[in-house]
Amino acid sequence: MAQQSDSEKFRQTFAKRLRQAINDFGYTGREQKALGELFGVTGQTVQKWLDGTAMPTRDKMPRLASILAVRRTWLEYGEGDKRPSYAISEQRGSAYKEDDIIELKESEINLLLAIRRLSQQDREALEHIIMSWSGLSTG
């Protein structure tokens, strides 16, 4: 059995991270055509990326990372955290204290990603339900 070259290992480890990010995004990886449309490439190209036989071009990598809500350096090289650190403040406006900042959990980020995949009509209905249950105004 032949040893893998460094470039083959690099492509295989990239493919593993890409599959992980795609699964987190709610796809199985079998929807190459839909993923291709999402990424702006063909389904065949997505399949090659997932097989580890090809890599996205450098100009495609930021788009993939952005769509999948992962850090580009993690996706491309496996460096650093998978996701950017997200934080929000319960205080509206620009004046808030450090204590007001809330870190988003992985499950909350995944929920937000799932909401983004809904149709506009479904998102609006869900927003209405959540705001109603929480006692907040949809203003």
N, C-alpha and C. Protein backbone atom coordinates (compact mmCIF):
# COMPACT_ATOMS: atom_id res chain seq x y z
N MET A 1 0.84 -1.18 0.00
CA MET A 1 0.00 0.00 0.00
C MET A 1 0.88 1.24 0.00
N ALA A 2 0.66 2.12 -0.93
CA ALA A 2 1.48 3.33 -1.08
C ALA A 2 1.14 4.33 0.02
N GLN A 3 2.19 5.04 0.46
CA GLN A 3 1.97 6.09 1.45
C GLN A 3 1.38 7.31 0.79
N GLN A 4 0.55 8.02 1.56
CA GLN A 4 -0.04 9.25 1.04
C GLN A 4 1.00 10.35 1.03
N SER A 5 0.95 11.16 -0.02
CA SER A 5 1.82 12.33 -0.06
C SER A 5 1.27 13.38 0.89
N ASP A 6 2.07 14.39 1.18
CA ASP A 6 1.62 15.47 2.06
C ASP A 6 0.39 16.16 1.50
N SER A 7 0.36 16.36 0.17
CA SER A 7 -0.80 17.04 -0.42
C SER A 7 -2.05 16.17 -0.33
N GLU A 8 -1.89 14.85 -0.45
CA GLU A 8 -3.04 13.95 -0.30
C GLU A 8 -3.57 13.98 1.13
N LYS A 9 -2.66 13.97 2.10
CA LYS A 9 -3.06 14.05 3.51
C LYS A 9 -3.78 15.36 3.78
N PHE A 10 -3.24 16.44 3.21
CA PHE A 10 -3.84 17.76 3.39
C PHE A 10 -5.26 17.78 2.85
N ARG A 11 -5.46 17.22 1.63
CA ARG A 11 -6.79 17.18 1.03
C ARG A 11 -7.74 16.30 1.84
N GLN A 12 -7.25 15.18 2.34
CA GLN A 12 -8.10 14.28 3.14
C GLN A 12 -8.52 14.91 4.46
N THR A 13 -7.61 15.60 5.12
CA THR A 13 -7.98 16.24 6.39
C THR A 13 -8.91 17.42 6.13
N PHE A 14 -8.70 18.13 5.01
CA PHE A 14 -9.64 19.19 4.64
C PHE A 14 -11.03 18.59 4.41
N ALA A 15 -11.09 17.49 3.66
CA ALA A 15 -12.37 16.84 3.35
C ALA A 15 -13.10 16.45 4.64
N LYS A 16 -12.36 15.97 5.62
CA LYS A 16 -12.97 15.59 6.91
C LYS A 16 -13.57 16.82 7.59
N ARG A 17 -12.85 17.93 7.61
CA ARG A 17 -13.38 19.16 8.22
C ARG A 17 -14.58 19.68 7.44
N LEU A 18 -14.52 19.62 6.11
CA LEU A 18 -15.63 20.08 5.29
C LEU A 18 -16.88 19.25 5.56
N ARG A 19 -16.73 17.92 5.62
CA ARG A 19 -17.87 17.05 5.94
C ARG A 19 -18.46 17.40 7.31
N GLN A 20 -17.59 17.65 8.27
CA GLN A 20 -18.06 18.01 9.61
C GLN A 20 -18.86 19.31 9.58
N ALA A 21 -18.34 20.32 8.88
CA ALA A 21 -19.03 21.61 8.79
C ALA A 21 -20.35 21.47 8.03
N ILE A 22 -20.36 20.67 6.98
CA ILE A 22 -21.59 20.45 6.20
C ILE A 22 -22.63 19.73 7.06
N ASN A 23 -22.19 18.73 7.83
CA ASN A 23 -23.12 18.03 8.73
C ASN A 23 -23.68 18.98 9.78
N ASP A 24 -22.82 19.82 10.35
CA ASP A 24 -23.28 20.81 11.33
C ASP A 24 -24.31 21.75 10.71
N PHE A 25 -24.15 22.01 9.43
CA PHE A 25 -25.04 22.93 8.72
C PHE A 25 -26.38 22.28 8.39
N GLY A 26 -26.46 20.97 8.58
CA GLY A 26 -27.74 20.28 8.38
C GLY A 26 -27.83 19.46 7.10
N TYR A 27 -26.72 19.29 6.42
CA TYR A 27 -26.68 18.46 5.22
C TYR A 27 -25.90 17.19 5.53
N THR A 28 -26.14 16.15 4.77
CA THR A 28 -25.41 14.91 4.98
C THR A 28 -24.16 14.83 4.12
N GLY A 29 -24.06 15.67 3.11
CA GLY A 29 -22.97 15.58 2.16
C GLY A 29 -23.39 14.85 0.90
N ARG A 30 -24.57 14.23 0.93
CA ARG A 30 -25.07 13.52 -0.25
C ARG A 30 -25.81 14.45 -1.20
N GLU A 31 -26.04 15.66 -0.78
CA GLU A 31 -26.79 16.63 -1.59
C GLU A 31 -25.82 17.50 -2.38
N GLN A 32 -24.95 16.87 -3.17
CA GLN A 32 -23.91 17.62 -3.87
C GLN A 32 -24.46 18.73 -4.76
N LYS A 33 -25.56 18.47 -5.44
CA LYS A 33 -26.11 19.49 -6.33
C LYS A 33 -26.55 20.72 -5.54
N ALA A 34 -27.29 20.50 -4.44
CA ALA A 34 -27.75 21.62 -3.61
C ALA A 34 -26.57 22.35 -2.98
N LEU A 35 -25.59 21.58 -2.52
CA LEU A 35 -24.39 22.20 -1.94
C LEU A 35 -23.62 22.98 -3.00
N GLY A 36 -23.55 22.43 -4.20
CA GLY A 36 -22.88 23.12 -5.29
C GLY A 36 -23.53 24.46 -5.58
N GLU A 37 -24.85 24.48 -5.62
CA GLU A 37 -25.57 25.74 -5.85
C GLU A 37 -25.30 26.73 -4.72
N LEU A 38 -25.28 26.23 -3.51
CA LEU A 38 -25.01 27.06 -2.35
C LEU A 38 -23.60 27.66 -2.40
N PHE A 39 -22.63 26.84 -2.82
CA PHE A 39 -21.23 27.27 -2.85
C PHE A 39 -20.82 27.93 -4.16
N GLY A 40 -21.69 27.88 -5.17
CA GLY A 40 -21.37 28.49 -6.45
C GLY A 40 -20.45 27.65 -7.33
N VAL A 41 -20.57 26.32 -7.19
CA VAL A 41 -19.79 25.38 -8.00
C VAL A 41 -20.72 24.24 -8.43
N THR A 42 -20.18 23.29 -9.16
CA THR A 42 -20.99 22.14 -9.56
C THR A 42 -21.05 21.11 -8.43
N GLY A 43 -22.04 20.24 -8.50
CA GLY A 43 -22.14 19.15 -7.54
C GLY A 43 -20.94 18.22 -7.63
N GLN A 44 -20.42 18.05 -8.85
CA GLN A 44 -19.25 17.20 -9.05
C GLN A 44 -18.04 17.78 -8.33
N THR A 45 -17.91 19.10 -8.34
CA THR A 45 -16.80 19.74 -7.64
C THR A 45 -16.92 19.51 -6.14
N VAL A 46 -18.12 19.65 -5.60
CA VAL A 46 -18.34 19.39 -4.17
C VAL A 46 -17.96 17.95 -3.85
N GLN A 47 -18.35 17.01 -4.70
CA GLN A 47 -18.02 15.60 -4.47
C GLN A 47 -16.50 15.40 -4.41
N LYS A 48 -15.77 16.06 -5.29
CA LYS A 48 -14.31 15.94 -5.29
C LYS A 48 -13.72 16.50 -4.00
N TRP A 49 -14.29 17.61 -3.51
CA TRP A 49 -13.81 18.17 -2.24
C TRP A 49 -14.06 17.18 -1.10
N LEU A 50 -15.27 16.59 -1.09
CA LEU A 50 -15.64 15.66 -0.02
C LEU A 50 -14.86 14.35 -0.10
N ASP A 51 -14.46 13.96 -1.30
CA ASP A 51 -13.64 12.76 -1.49
C ASP A 51 -12.17 13.01 -1.17
N GLY A 52 -11.80 14.28 -1.10
CA GLY A 52 -10.40 14.62 -0.86
C GLY A 52 -9.54 14.50 -2.09
N THR A 53 -10.17 14.53 -3.28
CA THR A 53 -9.39 14.46 -4.52
C THR A 53 -9.12 15.83 -5.11
N ALA A 54 -9.76 16.85 -4.56
CA ALA A 54 -9.54 18.23 -5.02
C ALA A 54 -9.79 19.17 -3.85
N MET A 55 -9.28 20.37 -3.99
CA MET A 55 -9.45 21.42 -2.98
C MET A 55 -10.13 22.62 -3.62
N PRO A 56 -10.90 23.37 -2.84
CA PRO A 56 -11.46 24.62 -3.37
C PRO A 56 -10.34 25.59 -3.71
N THR A 57 -10.59 26.45 -4.67
CA THR A 57 -9.60 27.48 -4.98
C THR A 57 -9.55 28.47 -3.82
N ARG A 58 -8.47 29.21 -3.72
CA ARG A 58 -8.28 30.15 -2.60
C ARG A 58 -9.39 31.19 -2.55
N ASP A 59 -9.93 31.56 -3.72
CA ASP A 59 -11.01 32.56 -3.71
C ASP A 59 -12.35 31.96 -3.25
N LYS A 60 -12.50 30.65 -3.29
CA LYS A 60 -13.75 30.00 -2.83
C LYS A 60 -13.76 29.76 -1.32
N MET A 61 -12.59 29.61 -0.72
CA MET A 61 -12.51 29.23 0.69
C MET A 61 -13.24 30.20 1.62
N PRO A 62 -13.07 31.53 1.48
CA PRO A 62 -13.81 32.43 2.37
C PRO A 62 -15.33 32.28 2.24
N ARG A 63 -15.80 32.05 1.02
CA ARG A 63 -17.25 31.87 0.81
C ARG A 63 -17.74 30.61 1.51
N LEU A 64 -17.01 29.52 1.37
CA LEU A 64 -17.41 28.27 2.03
C LEU A 64 -17.46 28.47 3.54
N ALA A 65 -16.42 29.07 4.08
CA ALA A 65 -16.36 29.28 5.53
C ALA A 65 -17.51 30.16 6.00
N SER A 66 -17.80 31.20 5.25
CA SER A 66 -18.88 32.11 5.62
C SER A 66 -20.23 31.41 5.59
N ILE A 67 -20.50 30.68 4.54
CA ILE A 67 -21.78 29.96 4.41
C ILE A 67 -21.93 28.94 5.53
N LEU A 68 -20.85 28.23 5.84
CA LEU A 68 -20.91 27.17 6.85
C LEU A 68 -20.70 27.70 8.27
N ALA A 69 -20.48 29.01 8.40
CA ALA A 69 -20.30 29.67 9.70
C ALA A 69 -19.15 29.07 10.50
N VAL A 70 -18.03 28.85 9.80
CA VAL A 70 -16.81 28.39 10.46
C VAL A 70 -15.67 29.34 10.09
N ARG A 71 -14.60 29.26 10.85
CA ARG A 71 -13.42 30.08 10.53
C ARG A 71 -12.74 29.51 9.29
N ARG A 72 -12.31 30.40 8.43
CA ARG A 72 -11.62 29.97 7.21
C ARG A 72 -10.35 29.19 7.55
N THR A 73 -9.57 29.67 8.53
CA THR A 73 -8.32 28.98 8.87
C THR A 73 -8.57 27.58 9.43
N TRP A 74 -9.68 27.42 10.14
CA TRP A 74 -10.02 26.08 10.63
C TRP A 74 -10.40 25.19 9.45
N LEU A 75 -11.25 25.69 8.57
CA LEU A 75 -11.70 24.88 7.43
C LEU A 75 -10.54 24.50 6.53
N GLU A 76 -9.72 25.47 6.20
CA GLU A 76 -8.64 25.23 5.24
C GLU A 76 -7.46 24.47 5.85
N TYR A 77 -7.04 24.86 7.05
CA TYR A 77 -5.81 24.31 7.63
C TYR A 77 -6.01 23.52 8.92
N GLY A 78 -7.20 23.59 9.50
CA GLY A 78 -7.42 22.92 10.78
C GLY A 78 -6.86 23.68 11.95
N GLU A 79 -6.59 24.98 11.76
CA GLU A 79 -5.99 25.80 12.81
C GLU A 79 -7.05 26.58 13.57
N GLY A 80 -6.88 26.67 14.88
CA GLY A 80 -7.75 27.50 15.70
C GLY A 80 -9.11 26.86 15.94
N ASP A 81 -9.99 27.66 16.51
CA ASP A 81 -11.35 27.20 16.81
C ASP A 81 -12.15 27.04 15.53
N LYS A 82 -13.09 26.11 15.57
CA LYS A 82 -13.94 25.87 14.40
C LYS A 82 -14.82 27.09 14.11
N ARG A 83 -15.40 27.64 15.13
CA ARG A 83 -16.33 28.75 14.95
C ARG A 83 -15.75 30.03 15.55
N PRO A 84 -16.09 31.14 14.92
CA PRO A 84 -15.73 32.42 15.54
C PRO A 84 -16.44 32.54 16.88
N SER A 85 -15.88 33.32 17.76
CA SER A 85 -16.52 33.55 19.05
C SER A 85 -17.61 34.58 18.85
N TYR A 86 -18.83 34.21 19.20
CA TYR A 86 -19.95 35.12 19.07
C TYR A 86 -20.39 35.56 20.46
N ALA A 87 -20.68 36.82 20.58
CA ALA A 87 -21.21 37.32 21.84
C ALA A 87 -22.23 38.41 21.52
N ILE A 88 -23.22 38.52 22.37
CA ILE A 88 -24.23 39.55 22.20
C ILE A 88 -24.44 40.24 23.53
N SER A 89 -25.08 41.36 23.50
CA SER A 89 -25.41 42.07 24.72
C SER A 89 -26.92 42.14 24.84
N GLU A 90 -27.41 41.97 26.05
CA GLU A 90 -28.85 42.11 26.27
C GLU A 90 -29.26 43.56 26.23
N GLN A 91 -28.30 44.46 26.37
CA GLN A 91 -28.58 45.89 26.33
C GLN A 91 -28.58 46.34 24.88
N ARG A 92 -29.61 47.02 24.46
CA ARG A 92 -29.66 47.53 23.09
C ARG A 92 -28.90 48.84 23.01
N GLY A 93 -28.36 49.13 21.85
CA GLY A 93 -27.62 50.36 21.67
C GLY A 93 -26.14 50.13 21.88
N SER A 94 -25.37 51.19 21.78
CA SER A 94 -23.91 51.05 21.81
C SER A 94 -23.33 51.04 23.21
N ALA A 95 -24.07 51.52 24.21
CA ALA A 95 -23.54 51.59 25.57
C ALA A 95 -23.93 50.33 26.34
N TYR A 96 -22.95 49.51 26.64
CA TYR A 96 -23.20 48.34 27.46
C TYR A 96 -21.97 48.04 28.29
N LYS A 97 -22.16 47.33 29.37
CA LYS A 97 -21.06 46.96 30.25
C LYS A 97 -20.58 45.56 29.88
N GLU A 98 -19.36 45.28 30.24
CA GLU A 98 -18.76 43.97 29.98
C GLU A 98 -19.63 42.84 30.56
N ASP A 99 -20.25 43.09 31.71
CA ASP A 99 -21.09 42.07 32.36
C ASP A 99 -22.35 41.74 31.57
N ASP A 100 -22.74 42.61 30.65
CA ASP A 100 -23.96 42.41 29.87
C ASP A 100 -23.77 41.44 28.71
N ILE A 101 -22.52 41.11 28.40
CA ILE A 101 -22.24 40.27 27.23
C ILE A 101 -22.56 38.81 27.53
N ILE A 102 -23.22 38.16 26.57
CA ILE A 102 -23.61 36.76 26.69
C ILE A 102 -22.90 35.99 25.58
N GLU A 103 -22.15 34.96 25.94
CA GLU A 103 -21.52 34.09 24.94
C GLU A 103 -22.57 33.12 24.41
N LEU A 104 -22.57 32.91 23.11
CA LEU A 104 -23.50 31.94 22.52
C LEU A 104 -22.92 30.54 22.63
N LYS A 105 -23.74 29.59 23.03
CA LYS A 105 -23.33 28.19 23.11
C LYS A 105 -23.39 27.58 21.71
N GLU A 106 -22.69 26.47 21.55
CA GLU A 106 -22.68 25.76 20.27
C GLU A 106 -24.10 25.40 19.84
N SER A 107 -24.93 24.95 20.78
CA SER A 107 -26.31 24.57 20.45
C SER A 107 -27.11 25.79 19.98
N GLU A 108 -26.83 26.97 20.54
CA GLU A 108 -27.53 28.18 20.13
C GLU A 108 -27.09 28.61 18.73
N ILE A 109 -25.81 28.45 18.45
CA ILE A 109 -25.31 28.76 17.10
C ILE A 109 -25.95 27.82 16.09
N ASN A 110 -26.03 26.53 16.43
CA ASN A 110 -26.65 25.56 15.52
C ASN A 110 -28.12 25.87 15.30
N LEU A 111 -28.81 26.33 16.34
CA LEU A 111 -30.20 26.73 16.20
C LEU A 111 -30.34 27.91 15.25
N LEU A 112 -29.45 28.88 15.38
CA LEU A 112 -29.48 30.04 14.47
C LEU A 112 -29.21 29.61 13.03
N LEU A 113 -28.28 28.67 12.85
CA LEU A 113 -28.01 28.17 11.50
C LEU A 113 -29.24 27.47 10.93
N ALA A 114 -29.94 26.70 11.76
CA ALA A 114 -31.15 26.02 11.30
C ALA A 114 -32.22 27.03 10.92
N ILE A 115 -32.36 28.08 11.70
CA ILE A 115 -33.35 29.12 11.39
C ILE A 115 -33.03 29.78 10.06
N ARG A 116 -31.76 29.99 9.77
CA ARG A 116 -31.36 30.62 8.50
C ARG A 116 -31.77 29.78 7.30
N ARG A 117 -31.92 28.47 7.48
CA ARG A 117 -32.29 27.60 6.36
C ARG A 117 -33.79 27.60 6.09
N LEU A 118 -34.58 28.17 7.00
CA LEU A 118 -36.03 28.23 6.81
C LEU A 118 -36.40 29.25 5.75
N SER A 119 -37.59 29.09 5.19
CA SER A 119 -38.10 30.10 4.26
C SER A 119 -38.37 31.38 5.03
N GLN A 120 -38.45 32.49 4.32
CA GLN A 120 -38.72 33.78 4.97
C GLN A 120 -40.04 33.72 5.75
N GLN A 121 -41.04 33.11 5.15
CA GLN A 121 -42.35 32.99 5.80
C GLN A 121 -42.26 32.18 7.09
N ASP A 122 -41.53 31.07 7.05
CA ASP A 122 -41.38 30.24 8.25
C ASP A 122 -40.56 30.96 9.32
N ARG A 123 -39.52 31.71 8.91
CA ARG A 123 -38.72 32.48 9.87
C ARG A 123 -39.59 33.51 10.58
N GLU A 124 -40.43 34.20 9.82
CA GLU A 124 -41.30 35.22 10.41
C GLU A 124 -42.30 34.59 11.39
N ALA A 125 -42.84 33.44 11.03
CA ALA A 125 -43.78 32.75 11.92
C ALA A 125 -43.07 32.31 13.20
N LEU A 126 -41.88 31.75 13.05
CA LEU A 126 -41.10 31.32 14.21
C LEU A 126 -40.73 32.50 15.09
N GLU A 127 -40.32 33.60 14.48
CA GLU A 127 -39.99 34.80 15.24
C GLU A 127 -41.20 35.27 16.05
N HIS A 128 -42.36 35.26 15.43
CA HIS A 128 -43.58 35.69 16.12
C HIS A 128 -43.85 34.79 17.34
N ILE A 129 -43.71 33.49 17.17
CA ILE A 129 -43.95 32.55 18.27
C ILE A 129 -42.95 32.79 19.40
N ILE A 130 -41.67 32.88 19.05
CA ILE A 130 -40.63 33.05 20.07
C ILE A 130 -40.82 34.37 20.82
N MET A 131 -41.05 35.43 20.08
CA MET A 131 -41.21 36.74 20.73
C MET A 131 -42.46 36.75 21.60
N SER A 132 -43.51 36.09 21.16
CA SER A 132 -44.74 36.02 21.94
C SER A 132 -44.51 35.24 23.24
N TRP A 133 -43.87 34.08 23.14
CA TRP A 133 -43.61 33.26 24.32
C TRP A 133 -42.67 33.95 25.30
N SER A 134 -41.70 34.70 24.77
CA SER A 134 -40.71 35.34 25.64
C SER A 134 -41.21 36.65 26.24
N GLY A 135 -42.34 37.14 25.74
CA GLY A 135 -42.88 38.40 26.24
C GLY A 135 -42.23 39.62 25.63
N LEU A 136 -41.41 39.41 24.59
CA LEU A 136 -40.76 40.52 23.90
C LEU A 136 -41.60 40.96 22.72
N SER A 137 -41.42 42.18 22.31
CA SER A 137 -42.13 42.72 21.16
C SER A 137 -41.34 42.44 19.90
N THR A 138 -42.03 42.17 18.79
CA THR A 138 -41.35 41.98 17.50
C THR A 138 -41.08 43.30 16.82
N GLY A 139 -41.52 44.42 17.41
CA GLY A 139 -41.34 45.79 16.95
C GLY A 139 -40.59 45.89 15.75
